[in-house]
Amino acid sequence: MPTSRVPLPRWRGFNLHQMFSTSSRWGEMMPMDDHRISEDDFRWIRDWGFDYVRVPFSYLFLIGDAERRTYPEERLAVLDRVVELGRTYDVHVQLNLWRAPGHTNFGYPYNEPEPGSLWVDDPFGSRDLFVHLWEILAERYRGVPSTRLSFDLVNEPPAASLVPGLTDDHILAVYAAAIDAIRAKDPERLLLVEGLDWAYTPVSADWCAERGVAQSLHSFAPLALSHYRCEHAPEQLRALDPVPTWPMDLPPVPAELPVPPEARESAARMMRDRGIKGGPYGRDELAASLKPWFDVADAGIGVHAGETGAHNTVPHQVVLPWLDDMLGLLTDHGVGWALWNLRGPFGVLDSGRGDVAYDDWHGHLLDREMLRVLQKH
């Protein structure tokens, strides 16, 4: 097992989300394309000057039996095709287990509940199933160079302080189990772990160096802007008023929060750090929220922002300067990024915004102004 600090290229690109969920409800708000990723997407990403795609996928898309241990060849071949398209178009592919056995983004009304828990022992053997799937993928792609393919182990682990009985050590133990299993099959595979607290709090640089892994953050602060009235966001974001500006003034943190007493201080801090409540929020506050990640990067650990962007309910004239500041800060510190959606409500194609003068792009609607901001960084 490597014990070194793993740097990363400054990848720039997009999430191709078509396999991230099997729930038909997601198709109400973004194109799912029968769970197939288009070759055109890779071609356009390359031609626009980008070099990276993150492919979040659900294990439910791949399983072939009720025991959740069989993965039919024809389903795994869909991932093979994505890896091959990356080779063809010289675009790095990062596979991310967005929905794992025992884990999905709770609170989102578009996700079916997941039995059990990935993070603690459960009667469904969720951790073993999780590790088993990564073993299959590690063996399958052994020999594909890490310059072309990396693994992002699991999407957005929960905030342990808000889940009774859960600790950060539980989450790190799951990470470690998957890392060890993958290394046994493919010692050279480039691996990323997502930050704690839904990918907002970095794992320590020493922990990453000991295991030879890099890290992924999700860069959506302030959430009161990026997820304003977003259909799949928590209720407190779906109900926000007024319309966000940039910079913006956030309402104060409520004196009473709907969490257990022992979690109130942590919840209040998260609301301030994530930009949900807490007063003025602009570029300086955004930079402060990202500083822990930049400190990890300065310690020699590779850092990449695997998701960023703002929902189509946010006015375009607000999104563009916010995105320019966000990507500018990441770029200044050598951190790459990926927009959540190429096509869809966070994306540059077919985003469904009512305040954009779109260009026609091979039958799709292109947000040329947003594309220019992305290409700038």
Protein backbone atom coordinates (compact mmCIF):
# COMPACT_ATOMS: atom_id res chain seq x y z
CA MET A 1 0.00 0.00 0.00
CA PRO A 2 1.51 3.35 -0.97
CA THR A 3 2.29 5.76 1.85
CA SER A 4 2.78 9.03 0.03
CA ARG A 5 1.17 12.36 -0.71
CA VAL A 6 -0.69 12.06 -3.99
CA PRO A 7 -0.96 15.22 -6.12
CA LEU A 8 -3.60 15.60 -8.82
CA PRO A 9 -3.75 17.27 -12.21
CA ARG A 10 -5.97 20.36 -12.31
CA TRP A 11 -8.76 18.50 -14.09
CA ARG A 12 -11.59 20.66 -15.46
CA GLY A 13 -14.85 19.26 -16.71
CA PHE A 14 -18.31 17.98 -15.96
CA ASN A 15 -20.38 15.32 -14.25
CA LEU A 16 -22.14 12.96 -16.64
CA HIS A 17 -25.02 11.97 -14.40
CA GLN A 18 -27.05 9.54 -16.49
CA MET A 19 -26.30 6.52 -14.27
CA PHE A 20 -26.41 8.14 -10.85
CA SER A 21 -29.93 6.99 -10.00
CA THR A 22 -32.47 4.41 -11.09
CA SER A 23 -35.37 6.52 -9.75
CA SER A 24 -37.63 7.71 -12.57
CA ARG A 25 -38.35 10.89 -10.61
CA TRP A 26 -34.95 12.33 -11.48
CA GLY A 27 -36.03 12.26 -15.13
CA GLU A 28 -38.59 14.94 -14.25
CA MET A 29 -35.81 17.50 -13.81
CA MET A 30 -32.79 16.38 -15.85
CA PRO A 31 -32.14 14.26 -18.95
CA MET A 32 -31.38 10.65 -17.99
CA ASP A 33 -31.09 9.37 -21.60
CA ASP A 34 -32.10 5.82 -20.71
CA HIS A 35 -28.95 5.70 -18.50
CA ARG A 36 -26.62 5.92 -21.51
CA ILE A 37 -23.84 8.46 -21.80
CA SER A 38 -23.51 10.07 -25.22
CA GLU A 39 -20.31 9.99 -27.23
CA ASP A 40 -21.14 13.55 -28.28
CA ASP A 41 -20.72 14.64 -24.65
CA PHE A 42 -17.11 13.45 -24.65
CA ARG A 43 -16.45 15.04 -28.04
CA TRP A 44 -17.83 18.42 -27.01
CA ILE A 45 -16.04 18.39 -23.66
CA ARG A 46 -12.73 17.81 -25.44
CA ASP A 47 -13.43 20.34 -28.18
CA TRP A 48 -14.28 23.03 -25.62
CA GLY A 49 -10.88 22.51 -23.97
CA PHE A 50 -11.79 20.38 -20.93
CA ASP A 51 -10.19 17.09 -19.89
CA TYR A 52 -12.28 15.38 -17.18
CA VAL A 53 -15.61 13.70 -16.50
CA ARG A 54 -16.93 12.40 -13.21
CA VAL A 55 -19.38 9.54 -13.73
CA PRO A 56 -21.56 9.10 -10.64
CA PHE A 57 -23.41 5.78 -10.75
CA SER A 58 -25.83 3.80 -8.62
CA TYR A 59 -25.00 0.23 -7.70
CA LEU A 60 -28.69 -0.54 -8.36
CA PHE A 61 -28.05 0.12 -12.03
CA LEU A 62 -25.49 -2.70 -12.09
CA ILE A 63 -26.86 -5.45 -9.84
CA GLY A 64 -28.41 -8.58 -11.25
CA ASP A 65 -29.85 -10.39 -8.22
CA ALA A 66 -31.74 -9.76 -5.01
CA GLU A 67 -28.65 -10.55 -2.95
CA ARG A 68 -26.87 -7.53 -4.50
CA ARG A 69 -23.72 -9.50 -5.26
CA THR A 70 -24.08 -10.35 -8.95
CA TYR A 71 -23.18 -7.81 -11.62
CA PRO A 72 -24.13 -9.02 -15.13
CA GLU A 73 -21.58 -8.53 -17.86
CA GLU A 74 -23.93 -6.51 -20.04
CA ARG A 75 -24.36 -3.96 -17.27
CA LEU A 76 -20.68 -3.66 -16.45
CA ALA A 77 -20.08 -3.21 -20.18
CA VAL A 78 -21.84 0.16 -19.92
CA LEU A 79 -19.02 1.34 -17.65
CA ASP A 80 -16.48 -0.23 -20.03
CA ARG A 81 -17.86 1.95 -22.82
CA VAL A 82 -17.47 5.10 -20.72
CA VAL A 83 -13.86 4.24 -19.91
CA GLU A 84 -13.18 3.61 -23.60
CA LEU A 85 -14.78 6.91 -24.62
CA GLY A 86 -12.42 8.63 -22.20
CA ARG A 87 -9.47 6.99 -23.96
CA THR A 88 -10.79 7.90 -27.40
CA TYR A 89 -11.25 11.58 -26.56
CA ASP A 90 -8.35 11.97 -24.12
CA VAL A 91 -10.69 12.82 -21.24
CA HIS A 92 -9.97 11.49 -17.76
CA VAL A 93 -12.81 9.36 -16.37
CA GLN A 94 -13.53 9.20 -12.67
CA LEU A 95 -16.02 6.59 -11.50
CA ASN A 96 -17.98 7.59 -8.39
CA LEU A 97 -20.29 5.29 -6.45
CA TRP A 98 -23.07 7.85 -5.93
CA ARG A 99 -25.52 5.38 -4.43
CA ALA A 100 -23.88 2.55 -2.53
CA PRO A 101 -25.25 -0.37 -0.50
CA GLY A 102 -26.56 1.26 2.67
CA HIS A 103 -25.93 4.84 1.52
CA THR A 104 -27.70 7.51 -0.49
CA ASN A 105 -28.29 11.22 0.04
CA PHE A 106 -30.94 11.21 2.74
CA GLY A 107 -33.46 14.05 2.73
CA TYR A 108 -33.73 14.13 -1.03
CA PRO A 109 -37.31 13.31 -2.00
CA TYR A 110 -36.14 11.89 -5.32
CA ASN A 111 -34.26 8.95 -3.78
CA GLU A 112 -35.83 5.71 -2.61
CA PRO A 113 -34.69 4.77 0.93
CA GLU A 114 -31.68 2.49 1.15
CA PRO A 115 -31.92 -0.46 3.56
CA GLY A 116 -29.33 -0.64 6.28
CA SER A 117 -26.28 1.58 6.70
CA LEU A 118 -22.94 1.50 4.94
CA TRP A 119 -21.26 3.18 7.90
CA VAL A 120 -22.00 0.78 10.76
CA ASP A 121 -22.60 -2.96 11.00
CA ASP A 122 -26.03 -3.82 9.67
CA PRO A 123 -28.01 -7.03 8.94
CA PHE A 124 -27.67 -6.49 5.17
CA GLY A 125 -23.87 -6.65 5.07
CA SER A 126 -23.76 -3.26 3.34
CA ARG A 127 -20.06 -2.68 3.96
CA ASP A 128 -19.10 -6.05 2.52
CA LEU A 129 -21.28 -5.41 -0.53
CA PHE A 130 -19.66 -2.00 -1.01
CA VAL A 131 -16.15 -3.42 -0.80
CA HIS A 132 -17.07 -6.34 -3.07
CA LEU A 133 -18.23 -4.02 -5.85
CA TRP A 134 -15.03 -2.01 -5.74
CA GLU A 135 -13.03 -5.26 -5.83
CA ILE A 136 -14.86 -6.22 -9.04
CA LEU A 137 -14.16 -2.84 -10.64
CA ALA A 138 -10.54 -2.78 -9.48
CA GLU A 139 -9.86 -6.15 -11.04
CA ARG A 140 -11.80 -5.30 -14.20
CA TYR A 141 -9.84 -2.13 -14.90
CA ARG A 142 -6.43 -3.26 -13.70
CA GLY A 143 -4.00 -2.18 -16.39
CA VAL A 144 -5.95 0.94 -17.38
CA PRO A 145 -3.51 3.69 -16.40
CA SER A 146 -4.48 6.09 -13.64
CA THR A 147 -3.83 8.95 -16.06
CA ARG A 148 -7.05 7.78 -17.74
CA LEU A 149 -9.13 6.36 -14.87
CA SER A 150 -9.59 7.05 -11.16
CA PHE A 151 -12.08 5.94 -8.49
CA ASP A 152 -13.99 8.30 -6.18
CA LEU A 153 -15.12 5.80 -3.55
CA VAL A 154 -18.53 7.08 -2.45
CA ASN A 155 -20.59 10.23 -2.76
CA GLU A 156 -21.10 12.64 0.15
CA PRO A 157 -20.75 10.74 3.44
CA PRO A 158 -23.17 12.10 6.04
CA ALA A 159 -22.37 14.61 8.76
CA ALA A 160 -21.58 12.25 11.63
CA SER A 161 -22.45 14.84 14.29
CA LEU A 162 -26.05 14.85 13.06
CA VAL A 163 -26.51 11.06 12.96
CA PRO A 164 -26.92 9.40 16.38
CA GLY A 165 -24.27 6.77 17.01
CA LEU A 166 -22.16 7.71 13.99
CA THR A 167 -18.60 9.09 14.17
CA ASP A 168 -16.07 10.21 11.60
CA ASP A 169 -14.02 7.14 12.54
CA HIS A 170 -16.86 4.92 11.27
CA ILE A 171 -16.70 6.67 7.91
CA LEU A 172 -12.91 6.49 7.71
CA ALA A 173 -13.03 2.76 8.54
CA VAL A 174 -15.30 2.17 5.52
CA TYR A 175 -12.95 4.19 3.34
CA ALA A 176 -9.98 2.19 4.59
CA ALA A 177 -11.68 -1.16 3.94
CA ALA A 178 -12.39 -0.20 0.32
CA ILE A 179 -8.90 1.23 -0.20
CA ASP A 180 -7.25 -1.97 1.09
CA ALA A 181 -9.47 -4.17 -1.09
CA ILE A 182 -8.81 -2.13 -4.22
CA ARG A 183 -5.07 -2.04 -3.57
CA ALA A 184 -5.05 -5.83 -3.26
CA LYS A 185 -6.42 -6.05 -6.80
CA ASP A 186 -4.76 -3.01 -8.38
CA PRO A 187 -1.99 -1.36 -6.32
CA GLU A 188 -1.54 1.48 -8.82
CA ARG A 189 -5.13 2.74 -9.06
CA LEU A 190 -5.56 6.44 -8.29
CA LEU A 191 -8.15 6.78 -5.51
CA LEU A 192 -10.05 9.72 -4.08
CA VAL A 193 -12.08 9.91 -0.89
CA GLU A 194 -14.75 12.54 -0.42
CA GLY A 195 -14.58 14.95 2.46
CA LEU A 196 -16.62 14.39 5.60
CA ASP A 197 -19.93 16.18 6.26
CA TRP A 198 -21.27 15.69 2.71
CA ALA A 199 -17.85 16.42 1.17
CA TYR A 200 -17.45 19.80 2.87
CA THR A 201 -14.87 18.99 5.59
CA PRO A 202 -11.50 17.59 4.50
CA VAL A 203 -10.09 14.35 5.83
CA SER A 204 -6.73 15.03 7.46
CA ALA A 205 -3.71 15.26 5.19
CA ASP A 206 -1.84 12.71 7.30
CA TRP A 207 -4.65 10.14 6.96
CA CYS A 208 -4.62 10.58 3.18
CA ALA A 209 -0.83 10.43 2.96
CA GLU A 210 -0.71 7.22 4.99
CA ARG A 211 -3.07 5.58 2.50
CA GLY A 212 -1.84 7.24 -0.66
CA VAL A 213 -5.16 8.82 -1.66
CA ALA A 214 -6.36 12.22 -2.84
CA GLN A 215 -9.57 14.02 -1.87
CA SER A 216 -12.74 15.39 -3.44
CA LEU A 217 -14.80 18.30 -2.15
CA HIS A 218 -18.21 19.56 -3.27
CA SER A 219 -18.07 23.28 -3.77
CA PHE A 220 -21.57 24.74 -3.59
CA ALA A 221 -21.23 27.43 -0.91
CA PRO A 222 -23.26 29.41 -0.24
CA LEU A 223 -26.01 26.82 -0.49
CA ALA A 224 -28.59 29.58 -0.15
CA LEU A 225 -27.44 30.64 -3.61
CA SER A 226 -26.47 27.43 -5.41
CA HIS A 227 -29.51 25.43 -4.27
CA TYR A 228 -32.07 28.21 -4.08
CA ARG A 229 -35.50 26.59 -4.57
CA CYS A 230 -33.86 23.49 -6.03
CA GLU A 231 -36.41 20.67 -6.22
CA HIS A 232 -34.17 18.04 -4.67
CA ALA A 233 -32.65 20.23 -1.93
CA PRO A 234 -33.67 20.10 1.75
CA GLU A 235 -36.86 21.98 2.61
CA GLN A 236 -35.05 24.95 4.17
CA LEU A 237 -33.40 25.66 0.80
CA ARG A 238 -36.48 24.99 -1.31
CA ALA A 239 -38.41 27.59 0.74
CA LEU A 240 -35.79 30.35 0.78
CA ASP A 241 -36.62 34.00 0.13
CA PRO A 242 -35.63 36.47 -1.16
CA VAL A 243 -34.01 35.72 -4.53
CA PRO A 244 -30.23 35.44 -4.01
CA THR A 245 -27.73 38.05 -5.09
CA TRP A 246 -23.94 37.96 -5.23
CA PRO A 247 -22.62 38.90 -2.76
CA MET A 248 -25.60 38.29 -0.50
CA ASP A 249 -26.94 38.78 3.00
CA LEU A 250 -28.01 35.55 4.69
CA PRO A 251 -30.68 35.51 7.40
CA PRO A 252 -29.45 34.88 10.97
CA VAL A 253 -29.07 31.36 12.32
CA PRO A 254 -32.28 30.50 14.22
CA ALA A 255 -32.06 30.27 18.00
CA GLU A 256 -33.87 26.91 17.88
CA LEU A 257 -32.87 24.21 15.40
CA PRO A 258 -34.74 20.91 14.77
CA VAL A 259 -31.84 18.71 15.89
CA PRO A 260 -30.96 17.01 19.20
CA PRO A 261 -29.58 19.45 21.80
CA GLU A 262 -26.09 17.97 21.63
CA ALA A 263 -25.98 18.64 17.86
CA ARG A 264 -27.21 22.25 17.87
CA GLU A 265 -23.81 23.91 18.02
CA SER A 266 -22.52 21.74 15.19
CA ALA A 267 -25.66 22.36 13.12
CA ALA A 268 -25.41 26.13 13.60
CA ARG A 269 -21.76 26.08 12.54
CA MET A 270 -22.62 24.05 9.44
CA MET A 271 -25.34 26.53 8.47
CA ARG A 272 -22.81 29.36 8.64
CA ASP A 273 -20.00 27.45 6.92
CA ARG A 274 -22.24 26.18 4.11
CA GLY A 275 -23.81 29.57 3.55
CA ILE A 276 -27.39 28.77 4.51
CA LYS A 277 -27.73 31.27 7.36
CA GLY A 278 -25.42 33.63 9.16
CA GLY A 279 -25.06 37.16 7.74
CA PRO A 280 -23.06 38.72 4.86
CA TYR A 281 -21.58 36.25 2.37
CA GLY A 282 -19.32 37.17 -0.52
CA ARG A 283 -15.97 36.27 -2.02
CA ASP A 284 -14.08 36.63 1.27
CA GLU A 285 -16.50 34.31 3.10
CA LEU A 286 -16.33 31.86 0.20
CA ALA A 287 -12.53 31.90 0.37
CA ALA A 288 -12.66 31.30 4.13
CA SER A 289 -14.96 28.28 3.62
CA LEU A 290 -12.48 26.80 1.13
CA LYS A 291 -9.33 27.51 3.16
CA PRO A 292 -9.27 24.14 4.98
CA TRP A 293 -9.16 22.46 1.57
CA PHE A 294 -6.43 24.73 0.31
CA ASP A 295 -4.44 23.92 3.45
CA VAL A 296 -4.71 20.21 2.60
CA ALA A 297 -3.60 20.92 -0.96
CA ASP A 298 -0.68 22.97 0.35
CA ALA A 299 0.30 19.92 2.46
CA GLY A 300 0.79 17.97 -0.79
CA ILE A 301 -2.51 16.08 -0.94
CA GLY A 302 -4.32 16.19 -4.26
CA VAL A 303 -7.65 18.04 -4.02
CA HIS A 304 -10.37 18.26 -6.66
CA ALA A 305 -13.83 19.83 -6.56
CA GLY A 306 -15.91 16.97 -7.90
CA GLU A 307 -19.15 18.97 -7.93
CA THR A 308 -19.95 22.67 -8.26
CA GLY A 309 -22.49 24.91 -9.96
CA ALA A 310 -25.85 26.55 -9.30
CA HIS A 311 -29.43 25.51 -10.04
CA ASN A 312 -31.47 27.05 -12.85
CA THR A 313 -33.76 28.83 -10.37
CA VAL A 314 -30.89 31.21 -9.54
CA PRO A 315 -30.85 34.30 -11.79
CA HIS A 316 -28.25 34.04 -14.52
CA GLN A 317 -26.74 37.44 -13.67
CA VAL A 318 -26.13 36.09 -10.14
CA VAL A 319 -24.76 32.68 -11.16
CA LEU A 320 -22.09 34.01 -13.51
CA PRO A 321 -20.18 36.29 -11.07
CA TRP A 322 -20.53 33.72 -8.26
CA LEU A 323 -19.18 30.97 -10.53
CA ASP A 324 -16.36 33.24 -11.66
CA ASP A 325 -15.37 33.82 -8.02
CA MET A 326 -15.70 30.16 -7.09
CA LEU A 327 -13.64 28.85 -9.99
CA GLY A 328 -11.17 31.69 -9.62
CA LEU A 329 -10.44 30.73 -6.02
CA LEU A 330 -10.03 27.07 -6.93
CA THR A 331 -7.78 27.94 -9.86
CA ASP A 332 -5.61 30.25 -7.74
CA HIS A 333 -4.84 27.25 -5.51
CA GLY A 334 -4.32 24.72 -8.30
CA VAL A 335 -7.57 22.86 -7.60
CA GLY A 336 -9.56 21.49 -10.53
CA TRP A 337 -13.33 21.26 -10.70
CA ALA A 338 -16.34 19.62 -12.36
CA LEU A 339 -19.72 21.24 -12.95
CA TRP A 340 -22.65 19.17 -11.67
CA ASN A 341 -24.30 18.51 -15.03
CA LEU A 342 -23.07 19.02 -18.51
CA ARG A 343 -26.71 18.84 -19.62
CA GLY A 344 -29.39 19.71 -17.08
CA PRO A 345 -30.37 22.37 -14.54
CA PHE A 346 -26.82 23.02 -13.29
CA GLY A 347 -25.22 22.70 -16.73
CA VAL A 348 -24.23 24.61 -19.86
CA LEU A 349 -26.51 22.60 -22.16
CA ASP A 350 -30.31 22.35 -21.90
CA SER A 351 -30.31 23.99 -18.47
CA GLY A 352 -33.92 25.20 -18.65
CA ARG A 353 -33.16 28.76 -17.55
CA GLY A 354 -35.72 31.37 -18.52
CA ASP A 355 -33.27 34.29 -18.54
CA VAL A 356 -30.59 33.05 -20.99
CA ALA A 357 -30.17 33.84 -24.68
CA TYR A 358 -29.18 30.31 -25.73
CA ASP A 359 -27.19 29.38 -28.80
CA ASP A 360 -28.15 26.33 -30.84
CA TRP A 361 -25.55 23.58 -30.37
CA HIS A 362 -26.24 20.54 -32.52
CA GLY A 363 -29.90 20.59 -31.51
CA HIS A 364 -29.16 21.45 -27.85
CA LEU A 365 -29.42 24.82 -26.10
CA LEU A 366 -25.99 26.17 -25.14
CA ASP A 367 -25.41 28.76 -22.42
CA ARG A 368 -22.50 30.44 -24.16
CA GLU A 369 -21.88 32.99 -21.40
CA MET A 370 -21.51 30.28 -18.77
CA LEU A 371 -19.26 28.26 -21.05
CA ARG A 372 -16.96 31.28 -21.39
CA VAL A 373 -16.70 31.57 -17.60
CA LEU A 374 -15.77 27.89 -17.38
CA GLN A 375 -13.19 28.16 -20.16
CA LYS A 376 -11.63 31.18 -18.42
CA HIS A 377 -10.69 28.91 -15.50
